[in-house]
Amino acid sequence: MTRPRLSLGVLGATGRMGLSIARVAAEEGLPVVAAVAHEQSGRDLGELAGLGPTGVKVTSDLDALREADVIIDFSLPAPALALFDRAAAWQLPVVTGTTGFDAKGLSALDALAKVAPVVAAPNFSQGVTVLFHLAAEAARLLGPGFDAEIVEMHHRKKIDAPSGTAVRLAEVVQSARRLPKVLHGRSGEVGARTDDELAVLALRGGDVVGEHTLLLAGLGERVELIHRATDRAIFARGAVRAARWALGRAPGRYGMEDVMGLR
């Protein structure tokens, strides 16, 4: 079956994710018709992405995004907030990976979802989305006889810990098992592990794109669910898949679980 063709607009177009989206869109034959960023204004997006000239010039004018069928946003809370207000007026679908919104930003996101489909996720990896799904099932099925622990590793330049993906994975396991206590590492004489705790440990080093492991340790056996990212393009591929999915959907707030048919 032929997939519908759609045009994309990208906010945060000159960032690492924005350029990756431009490359993935080119691979899939989807035109990027608007590229908005506060840096590299006037430059050709294709040249910046290593694709050769495409005729799409980077601009700081948000109104350029109105020409797209779906807008993909990987920017910062302030420009994303401005986008949500404009997109609501245009009733255009938005896929956003921007995080860190305050109450005003979250309110704008909710307002947009009332008039257009919005796919919002902290991680657009399709594999990570499946990891969340499997983690919930495994934690529920194995039950309290299996202790849950999470280990994540990222490159040495990552500035936050634990990762947002690890935090979400912990929330998934907490919900499935009703664990009230989350620890971020252990040190000193902490005593024996209790049944109601879940520890999240963060490792940093080298150029690791991202690795997340859920360990479910029982007596005499252990189950490990692992996701390893080796190429940051996985996040762009997930975002482009979400854009295809969002086109023509009813207004509402969606996640990658909806995109992949997991709920």
C-alpha atoms as a PDB file:
ATOM      1  CA  MET A   1       0.000   0.000   0.000  1.00  0.00           C
ATOM      2  CA  THR A   2       1.356   3.438  -0.895  1.00  0.00           C
ATOM      3  CA  ARG A   3       1.893   5.664   2.128  1.00  0.00           C
ATOM      4  CA  PRO A   4       0.438   9.180   1.916  1.00  0.00           C
ATOM      5  CA  ARG A   5       2.926  11.855   1.001  1.00  0.00           C
ATOM      6  CA  LEU A   6       3.148  14.777   3.373  1.00  0.00           C
ATOM      7  CA  SER A   7       5.237  17.889   3.750  1.00  0.00           C
ATOM      8  CA  LEU A   8       7.117  18.697   6.932  1.00  0.00           C
ATOM      9  CA  GLY A   9       8.049  21.861   8.766  1.00  0.00           C
ATOM     10  CA  VAL A  10      10.838  21.699  11.325  1.00  0.00           C
ATOM     11  CA  LEU A  11      11.315  23.968  14.329  1.00  0.00           C
ATOM     12  CA  GLY A  12      14.837  23.721  15.695  1.00  0.00           C
ATOM     13  CA  ALA A  13      15.950  22.833  12.190  1.00  0.00           C
ATOM     14  CA  THR A  14      19.666  23.534  12.647  1.00  0.00           C
ATOM     15  CA  GLY A  15      20.064  21.510  15.835  1.00  0.00           C
ATOM     16  CA  ARG A  16      21.307  17.940  15.893  1.00  0.00           C
ATOM     17  CA  MET A  17      17.786  16.521  15.828  1.00  0.00           C
ATOM     18  CA  GLY A  18      16.516  18.987  13.237  1.00  0.00           C
ATOM     19  CA  LEU A  19      19.282  18.114  10.783  1.00  0.00           C
ATOM     20  CA  SER A  20      18.732  14.402  11.443  1.00  0.00           C
ATOM     21  CA  ILE A  21      15.044  14.837  10.625  1.00  0.00           C
ATOM     22  CA  ALA A  22      15.993  16.548   7.360  1.00  0.00           C
ATOM     23  CA  ARG A  23      18.168  13.565   6.423  1.00  0.00           C
ATOM     24  CA  VAL A  24      15.526  10.966   7.368  1.00  0.00           C
ATOM     25  CA  ALA A  25      12.839  12.903   5.485  1.00  0.00           C
ATOM     26  CA  ALA A  26      15.066  12.875   2.395  1.00  0.00           C
ATOM     27  CA  GLU A  27      15.581   9.108   2.760  1.00  0.00           C
ATOM     28  CA  GLU A  28      11.819   8.604   2.866  1.00  0.00           C
ATOM     29  CA  GLY A  29      11.031  11.010   0.045  1.00  0.00           C
ATOM     30  CA  LEU A  30       9.222  13.549   2.206  1.00  0.00           C
ATOM     31  CA  PRO A  31       9.738  17.242   1.450  1.00  0.00           C
ATOM     32  CA  VAL A  32      10.741  19.630   4.226  1.00  0.00           C
ATOM     33  CA  VAL A  33       9.081  22.868   3.145  1.00  0.00           C
ATOM     34  CA  ALA A  34       9.949  25.061   6.130  1.00  0.00           C
ATOM     35  CA  ALA A  35      12.994  25.155   8.408  1.00  0.00           C
ATOM     36  CA  VAL A  36      12.890  27.504  11.399  1.00  0.00           C
ATOM     37  CA  ALA A  37      15.757  28.207  13.805  1.00  0.00           C
ATOM     38  CA  HIS A  38      17.494  31.155  15.424  1.00  0.00           C
ATOM     39  CA  GLU A  39      20.871  30.104  14.047  1.00  0.00           C
ATOM     40  CA  GLN A  40      22.155  29.796  10.461  1.00  0.00           C
ATOM     41  CA  SER A  41      19.373  32.018   9.102  1.00  0.00           C
ATOM     42  CA  GLY A  42      19.499  32.219   5.313  1.00  0.00           C
ATOM     43  CA  ARG A  43      21.485  29.016   4.929  1.00  0.00           C
ATOM     44  CA  ASP A  44      20.172  26.151   2.799  1.00  0.00           C
ATOM     45  CA  LEU A  45      18.869  23.354   5.065  1.00  0.00           C
ATOM     46  CA  GLY A  46      20.000  20.653   2.653  1.00  0.00           C
ATOM     47  CA  GLU A  47      23.549  21.936   2.650  1.00  0.00           C
ATOM     48  CA  LEU A  48      23.621  22.080   6.458  1.00  0.00           C
ATOM     49  CA  ALA A  49      22.339  18.486   6.609  1.00  0.00           C
ATOM     50  CA  GLY A  50      24.871  17.253   4.060  1.00  0.00           C
ATOM     51  CA  LEU A  51      22.229  16.604   1.407  1.00  0.00           C
ATOM     52  CA  GLY A  52      23.206  19.265  -1.086  1.00  0.00           C
ATOM     53  CA  PRO A  53      21.066  22.321  -1.928  1.00  0.00           C
ATOM     54  CA  THR A  54      17.311  21.855  -1.515  1.00  0.00           C
ATOM     55  CA  GLY A  55      16.146  25.436  -1.897  1.00  0.00           C
ATOM     56  CA  VAL A  56      14.726  25.514   1.631  1.00  0.00           C
ATOM     57  CA  LYS A  57      16.328  28.389   3.513  1.00  0.00           C
ATOM     58  CA  VAL A  58      16.530  28.499   7.286  1.00  0.00           C
ATOM     59  CA  THR A  59      14.459  31.342   8.731  1.00  0.00           C
ATOM     60  CA  SER A  60      13.565  32.662  12.175  1.00  0.00           C
ATOM     61  CA  ASP A  61       9.984  33.390  11.049  1.00  0.00           C
ATOM     62  CA  LEU A  62       7.568  30.928  12.670  1.00  0.00           C
ATOM     63  CA  ASP A  63       4.914  31.772  10.071  1.00  0.00           C
ATOM     64  CA  ALA A  64       6.928  29.815   7.495  1.00  0.00           C
ATOM     65  CA  LEU A  65       5.764  26.619   9.221  1.00  0.00           C
ATOM     66  CA  ARG A  66       2.196  27.277   8.140  1.00  0.00           C
ATOM     67  CA  GLU A  67       3.036  25.830   4.707  1.00  0.00           C
ATOM     68  CA  ALA A  68       3.660  22.323   6.133  1.00  0.00           C
ATOM     69  CA  ASP A  69       1.180  19.481   6.579  1.00  0.00           C
ATOM     70  CA  VAL A  70       2.799  18.469   9.895  1.00  0.00           C
ATOM     71  CA  ILE A  71       5.261  20.396  12.076  1.00  0.00           C
ATOM     72  CA  ILE A  72       8.057  18.589  13.938  1.00  0.00           C
ATOM     73  CA  ASP A  73       9.500  20.472  16.913  1.00  0.00           C
ATOM     74  CA  PHE A  74      12.812  19.791  18.647  1.00  0.00           C
ATOM     75  CA  SER A  75      13.618  23.182  20.088  1.00  0.00           C
ATOM     76  CA  LEU A  76      13.399  24.840  23.517  1.00  0.00           C
ATOM     77  CA  PRO A  77      10.384  25.629  25.720  1.00  0.00           C
ATOM     78  CA  ALA A  78      10.107  29.307  24.689  1.00  0.00           C
ATOM     79  CA  PRO A  79      10.019  28.854  20.883  1.00  0.00           C
ATOM     80  CA  ALA A  80       7.923  25.706  21.279  1.00  0.00           C
ATOM     81  CA  LEU A  81       5.360  27.671  23.305  1.00  0.00           C
ATOM     82  CA  ALA A  82       5.144  30.250  20.525  1.00  0.00           C
ATOM     83  CA  LEU A  83       4.724  27.429  18.013  1.00  0.00           C
ATOM     84  CA  PHE A  84       1.862  25.841  19.954  1.00  0.00           C
ATOM     85  CA  ASP A  85      -0.050  29.122  19.941  1.00  0.00           C
ATOM     86  CA  ARG A  86       0.438  29.552  16.158  1.00  0.00           C
ATOM     87  CA  ALA A  87      -0.299  25.925  15.331  1.00  0.00           C
ATOM     88  CA  ALA A  88      -3.544  26.131  17.314  1.00  0.00           C
ATOM     89  CA  ALA A  89      -4.631  29.056  15.155  1.00  0.00           C
ATOM     90  CA  TRP A  90      -3.632  27.096  12.036  1.00  0.00           C
ATOM     91  CA  GLN A  91      -5.063  23.807  13.379  1.00  0.00           C
ATOM     92  CA  LEU A  92      -1.948  22.004  12.178  1.00  0.00           C
ATOM     93  CA  PRO A  93      -0.639  18.695  13.620  1.00  0.00           C
ATOM     94  CA  VAL A  94       2.511  18.952  15.740  1.00  0.00           C
ATOM     95  CA  VAL A  95       5.051  16.321  16.749  1.00  0.00           C
ATOM     96  CA  THR A  96       7.147  17.614  19.647  1.00  0.00           C
ATOM     97  CA  GLY A  97      10.110  16.227  21.514  1.00  0.00           C
ATOM     98  CA  THR A  98      10.727  19.428  23.467  1.00  0.00           C
ATOM     99  CA  THR A  99      10.602  19.004  27.249  1.00  0.00           C
ATOM    100  CA  GLY A 100      10.981  21.182  30.341  1.00  0.00           C
ATOM    101  CA  PHE A 101       7.769  23.176  29.962  1.00  0.00           C
ATOM    102  CA  ASP A 102       6.418  25.284  32.803  1.00  0.00           C
ATOM    103  CA  ALA A 103       2.700  25.559  33.541  1.00  0.00           C
ATOM    104  CA  LYS A 104       2.194  28.087  30.722  1.00  0.00           C
ATOM    105  CA  GLY A 105       3.864  25.829  28.183  1.00  0.00           C
ATOM    106  CA  LEU A 106       1.857  22.793  29.268  1.00  0.00           C
ATOM    107  CA  SER A 107      -1.344  24.825  29.070  1.00  0.00           C
ATOM    108  CA  ALA A 108      -0.483  25.890  25.497  1.00  0.00           C
ATOM    109  CA  LEU A 109       0.195  22.261  24.580  1.00  0.00           C
ATOM    110  CA  ASP A 110      -3.189  21.224  25.983  1.00  0.00           C
ATOM    111  CA  ALA A 111      -4.908  24.061  24.103  1.00  0.00           C
ATOM    112  CA  LEU A 112      -3.320  22.936  20.838  1.00  0.00           C
ATOM    113  CA  ALA A 113      -4.451  19.346  21.442  1.00  0.00           C
ATOM    114  CA  LYS A 114      -8.057  20.548  21.576  1.00  0.00           C
ATOM    115  CA  VAL A 115      -7.951  21.660  17.923  1.00  0.00           C
ATOM    116  CA  ALA A 116      -5.214  19.497  16.342  1.00  0.00           C
ATOM    117  CA  PRO A 117      -3.452  16.166  16.862  1.00  0.00           C
ATOM    118  CA  VAL A 118      -0.296  16.472  18.979  1.00  0.00           C
ATOM    119  CA  VAL A 119       2.251  13.693  19.449  1.00  0.00           C
ATOM    120  CA  ALA A 120       4.419  14.592  22.458  1.00  0.00           C
ATOM    121  CA  ALA A 121       7.130  12.291  23.772  1.00  0.00           C
ATOM    122  CA  PRO A 122      10.440  12.628  25.644  1.00  0.00           C
ATOM    123  CA  ASN A 123      11.918   9.850  23.495  1.00  0.00           C
ATOM    124  CA  PHE A 124      10.873   9.028  19.926  1.00  0.00           C
ATOM    125  CA  SER A 125      12.833   5.791  19.647  1.00  0.00           C
ATOM    126  CA  GLN A 126      10.530   3.041  18.426  1.00  0.00           C
ATOM    127  CA  GLY A 127      12.606   0.467  20.315  1.00  0.00           C
ATOM    128  CA  VAL A 128      12.373   2.403  23.584  1.00  0.00           C
ATOM    129  CA  THR A 129       8.609   2.649  23.155  1.00  0.00           C
ATOM    130  CA  VAL A 130       8.446  -1.147  22.924  1.00  0.00           C
ATOM    131  CA  LEU A 131      10.809  -1.401  25.918  1.00  0.00           C
ATOM    132  CA  PHE A 132       8.333   0.571  28.028  1.00  0.00           C
ATOM    133  CA  HIS A 133       5.537  -1.763  26.952  1.00  0.00           C
ATOM    134  CA  LEU A 134       7.513  -4.937  27.662  1.00  0.00           C
ATOM    135  CA  ALA A 135       8.794  -3.556  30.982  1.00  0.00           C
ATOM    136  CA  ALA A 136       5.278  -3.015  32.270  1.00  0.00           C
ATOM    137  CA  GLU A 137       4.220  -6.514  31.253  1.00  0.00           C
ATOM    138  CA  ALA A 138       7.324  -8.197  32.663  1.00  0.00           C
ATOM    139  CA  ALA A 139       7.155  -6.335  35.980  1.00  0.00           C
ATOM    140  CA  ARG A 140       3.477  -7.176  36.361  1.00  0.00           C
ATOM    141  CA  LEU A 141       3.789 -10.833  35.354  1.00  0.00           C
ATOM    142  CA  LEU A 142       6.854 -11.587  37.480  1.00  0.00           C
ATOM    143  CA  GLY A 143       5.436  -9.806  40.493  1.00  0.00           C
ATOM    144  CA  PRO A 144       7.005  -8.886  43.846  1.00  0.00           C
ATOM    145  CA  GLY A 145       9.274 -11.938  43.908  1.00  0.00           C
ATOM    146  CA  PHE A 146      11.535 -10.195  41.380  1.00  0.00           C
ATOM    147  CA  ASP A 147      13.449  -7.075  42.441  1.00  0.00           C
ATOM    148  CA  ALA A 148      13.493  -4.310  39.817  1.00  0.00           C
ATOM    149  CA  GLU A 149      16.601  -2.227  39.122  1.00  0.00           C
ATOM    150  CA  ILE A 150      17.393   0.158  36.247  1.00  0.00           C
ATOM    151  CA  VAL A 151      20.828   1.002  34.843  1.00  0.00           C
ATOM    152  CA  GLU A 152      21.379   3.611  32.138  1.00  0.00           C
ATOM    153  CA  MET A 153      24.557   4.714  30.361  1.00  0.00           C
ATOM    154  CA  HIS A 154      25.221   7.715  28.124  1.00  0.00           C
ATOM    155  CA  HIS A 155      28.143   9.608  26.637  1.00  0.00           C
ATOM    156  CA  ARG A 156      30.445  11.599  28.863  1.00  0.00           C
ATOM    157  CA  LYS A 157      29.025  14.979  27.749  1.00  0.00           C
ATOM    158  CA  LYS A 158      25.446  14.353  28.881  1.00  0.00           C
ATOM    159  CA  ILE A 159      24.648  16.905  31.570  1.00  0.00           C
ATOM    160  CA  ASP A 160      21.579  15.420  33.301  1.00  0.00           C
ATOM    161  CA  ALA A 161      21.196  12.213  35.281  1.00  0.00           C
ATOM    162  CA  PRO A 162      19.329  10.002  35.294  1.00  0.00           C
ATOM    163  CA  SER A 163      18.176  10.286  31.709  1.00  0.00           C
ATOM    164  CA  GLY A 164      14.583  11.211  30.955  1.00  0.00           C
ATOM    165  CA  THR A 165      14.125   7.764  29.426  1.00  0.00           C
ATOM    166  CA  ALA A 166      15.330   6.099  32.630  1.00  0.00           C
ATOM    167  CA  VAL A 167      12.953   8.249  34.667  1.00  0.00           C
ATOM    168  CA  ARG A 168      10.064   7.216  32.418  1.00  0.00           C
ATOM    169  CA  LEU A 169      11.100   3.556  32.600  1.00  0.00           C
ATOM    170  CA  ALA A 170      11.065   3.802  36.396  1.00  0.00           C
ATOM    171  CA  GLU A 171       7.574   5.327  36.266  1.00  0.00           C
ATOM    172  CA  VAL A 172       6.389   2.448  34.081  1.00  0.00           C
ATOM    173  CA  VAL A 173       7.734  -0.167  36.509  1.00  0.00           C
ATOM    174  CA  GLN A 174       6.442   1.755  39.521  1.00  0.00           C
ATOM    175  CA  SER A 175       2.955   1.842  38.053  1.00  0.00           C
ATOM    176  CA  ALA A 176       2.982  -1.858  37.164  1.00  0.00           C
ATOM    177  CA  ARG A 177       4.257  -2.921  40.582  1.00  0.00           C
ATOM    178  CA  ARG A 178       3.071  -0.076  42.855  1.00  0.00           C
ATOM    179  CA  LEU A 179       6.578   0.564  44.180  1.00  0.00           C
ATOM    180  CA  PRO A 180       6.589   3.748  46.295  1.00  0.00           C
ATOM    181  CA  LYS A 181      10.357   4.249  46.724  1.00  0.00           C
ATOM    182  CA  VAL A 182      12.793   5.235  43.955  1.00  0.00           C
ATOM    183  CA  LEU A 183      16.492   5.503  44.801  1.00  0.00           C
ATOM    184  CA  HIS A 184      19.104   7.219  42.659  1.00  0.00           C
ATOM    185  CA  GLY A 185      22.147   5.109  43.419  1.00  0.00           C
ATOM    186  CA  ARG A 186      23.248   3.691  46.770  1.00  0.00           C
ATOM    187  CA  SER A 187      26.179   4.569  49.020  1.00  0.00           C
ATOM    188  CA  GLY A 188      27.329   3.598  52.493  1.00  0.00           C
ATOM    189  CA  GLU A 189      25.579   1.238  54.890  1.00  0.00           C
ATOM    190  CA  VAL A 190      22.138   1.451  53.362  1.00  0.00           C
ATOM    191  CA  GLY A 191      20.938  -1.850  54.805  1.00  0.00           C
ATOM    192  CA  ALA A 192      19.329  -4.754  53.032  1.00  0.00           C
ATOM    193  CA  ARG A 193      17.220  -4.056  49.981  1.00  0.00           C
ATOM    194  CA  THR A 194      13.523  -3.652  50.780  1.00  0.00           C
ATOM    195  CA  ASP A 195      10.657  -5.043  48.716  1.00  0.00           C
ATOM    196  CA  ASP A 196       9.191  -1.629  47.927  1.00  0.00           C
ATOM    197  CA  GLU A 197      12.211   0.053  46.349  1.00  0.00           C
ATOM    198  CA  LEU A 198      13.500   0.577  42.828  1.00  0.00           C
ATOM    199  CA  ALA A 199      16.978   1.936  42.159  1.00  0.00           C
ATOM    200  CA  VAL A 200      18.040   3.902  39.093  1.00  0.00           C
ATOM    201  CA  LEU A 201      21.781   4.090  38.446  1.00  0.00           C
ATOM    202  CA  ALA A 202      23.410   6.390  35.877  1.00  0.00           C
ATOM    203  CA  LEU A 203      26.721   5.669  34.146  1.00  0.00           C
ATOM    204  CA  ARG A 204      28.621   8.166  31.965  1.00  0.00           C
ATOM    205  CA  GLY A 205      31.509   7.582  29.603  1.00  0.00           C
ATOM    206  CA  GLY A 206      32.859   7.621  26.070  1.00  0.00           C
ATOM    207  CA  ASP A 207      30.501   8.234  23.169  1.00  0.00           C
ATOM    208  CA  VAL A 208      27.619   5.963  24.208  1.00  0.00           C
ATOM    209  CA  VAL A 209      24.458   7.213  22.471  1.00  0.00           C
ATOM    210  CA  GLY A 210      22.175   5.605  25.023  1.00  0.00           C
ATOM    211  CA  GLU A 211      21.683   2.311  26.809  1.00  0.00           C
ATOM    212  CA  HIS A 212      18.893   1.383  29.214  1.00  0.00           C
ATOM    213  CA  THR A 213      18.580  -1.891  31.118  1.00  0.00           C
ATOM    214  CA  LEU A 214      15.757  -3.102  33.317  1.00  0.00           C
ATOM    215  CA  LEU A 215      16.832  -5.978  35.576  1.00  0.00           C
ATOM    216  CA  LEU A 216      14.214  -8.141  37.260  1.00  0.00           C
ATOM    217  CA  ALA A 217      16.102 -10.342  39.705  1.00  0.00           C
ATOM    218  CA  GLY A 218      14.429 -13.286  41.396  1.00  0.00           C
ATOM    219  CA  LEU A 219      15.764 -16.234  43.361  1.00  0.00           C
ATOM    220  CA  GLY A 220      17.868 -18.350  41.010  1.00  0.00           C
ATOM    221  CA  GLU A 221      16.984 -16.416  37.857  1.00  0.00           C
ATOM    222  CA  ARG A 222      17.107 -12.949  36.330  1.00  0.00           C
ATOM    223  CA  VAL A 223      15.357 -11.304  33.398  1.00  0.00           C
ATOM    224  CA  GLU A 224      17.008  -8.362  31.626  1.00  0.00           C
ATOM    225  CA  LEU A 225      15.360  -6.069  29.103  1.00  0.00           C
ATOM    226  CA  ILE A 226      17.930  -3.946  27.265  1.00  0.00           C
ATOM    227  CA  HIS A 227      17.704  -1.214  24.657  1.00  0.00           C
ATOM    228  CA  ARG A 228      20.906   0.051  23.035  1.00  0.00           C
ATOM    229  CA  ALA A 229      20.974   3.054  20.736  1.00  0.00           C
ATOM    230  CA  THR A 230      23.908   3.192  18.335  1.00  0.00           C
ATOM    231  CA  ASP A 231      22.707   5.969  16.028  1.00  0.00           C
ATOM    232  CA  ARG A 232      20.851   9.159  16.984  1.00  0.00           C
ATOM    233  CA  ALA A 233      18.902   8.907  13.723  1.00  0.00           C
ATOM    234  CA  ILE A 234      16.567   6.465  15.503  1.00  0.00           C
ATOM    235  CA  PHE A 235      14.878   9.407  17.208  1.00  0.00           C
ATOM    236  CA  ALA A 236      14.370  11.221  13.903  1.00  0.00           C
ATOM    237  CA  ARG A 237      12.929   8.073  12.312  1.00  0.00           C
ATOM    238  CA  GLY A 238      10.458   7.769  15.166  1.00  0.00           C
ATOM    239  CA  ALA A 239       9.478  11.431  14.859  1.00  0.00           C
ATOM    240  CA  VAL A 240       8.915  11.101  11.116  1.00  0.00           C
ATOM    241  CA  ARG A 241       6.821   7.967  11.714  1.00  0.00           C
ATOM    242  CA  ALA A 242       4.790   9.978  14.246  1.00  0.00           C
ATOM    243  CA  ALA A 243       4.295  12.751  11.678  1.00  0.00           C
ATOM    244  CA  ARG A 244       2.942  10.267   9.133  1.00  0.00           C
ATOM    245  CA  TRP A 245       0.623   8.851  11.778  1.00  0.00           C
ATOM    246  CA  ALA A 246      -0.632  12.250  12.970  1.00  0.00           C
ATOM    247  CA  LEU A 247      -1.749  13.436   9.554  1.00  0.00           C
ATOM    248  CA  GLY A 248      -5.543  13.273   9.426  1.00  0.00           C
ATOM    249  CA  ARG A 249      -5.991  12.217  13.081  1.00  0.00           C
ATOM    250  CA  ALA A 250      -8.617  13.709  15.346  1.00  0.00           C
ATOM    251  CA  PRO A 251      -7.464  16.466  17.714  1.00  0.00           C
ATOM    252  CA  GLY A 252      -5.943  15.128  20.914  1.00  0.00           C
ATOM    253  CA  ARG A 253      -2.789  14.494  22.906  1.00  0.00           C
ATOM    254  CA  TYR A 254      -0.967  11.347  21.794  1.00  0.00           C
ATOM    255  CA  GLY A 255       2.287   9.534  22.535  1.00  0.00           C
ATOM    256  CA  MET A 256       4.520   7.085  20.740  1.00  0.00           C
ATOM    257  CA  GLU A 257       2.476   4.268  22.263  1.00  0.00           C
ATOM    258  CA  ASP A 258      -0.463   5.456  20.146  1.00  0.00           C
ATOM    259  CA  VAL A 259       1.701   5.788  17.043  1.00  0.00           C
ATOM    260  CA  MET A 260       2.889   2.186  17.402  1.00  0.00           C
ATOM    261  CA  GLY A 261      -0.535   0.733  18.259  1.00  0.00           C
ATOM    262  CA  LEU A 262       0.367  -0.205  21.840  1.00  0.00           C
ATOM    263  CA  ARG A 263      -2.717   1.411  23.366  1.00  0.00           C
END
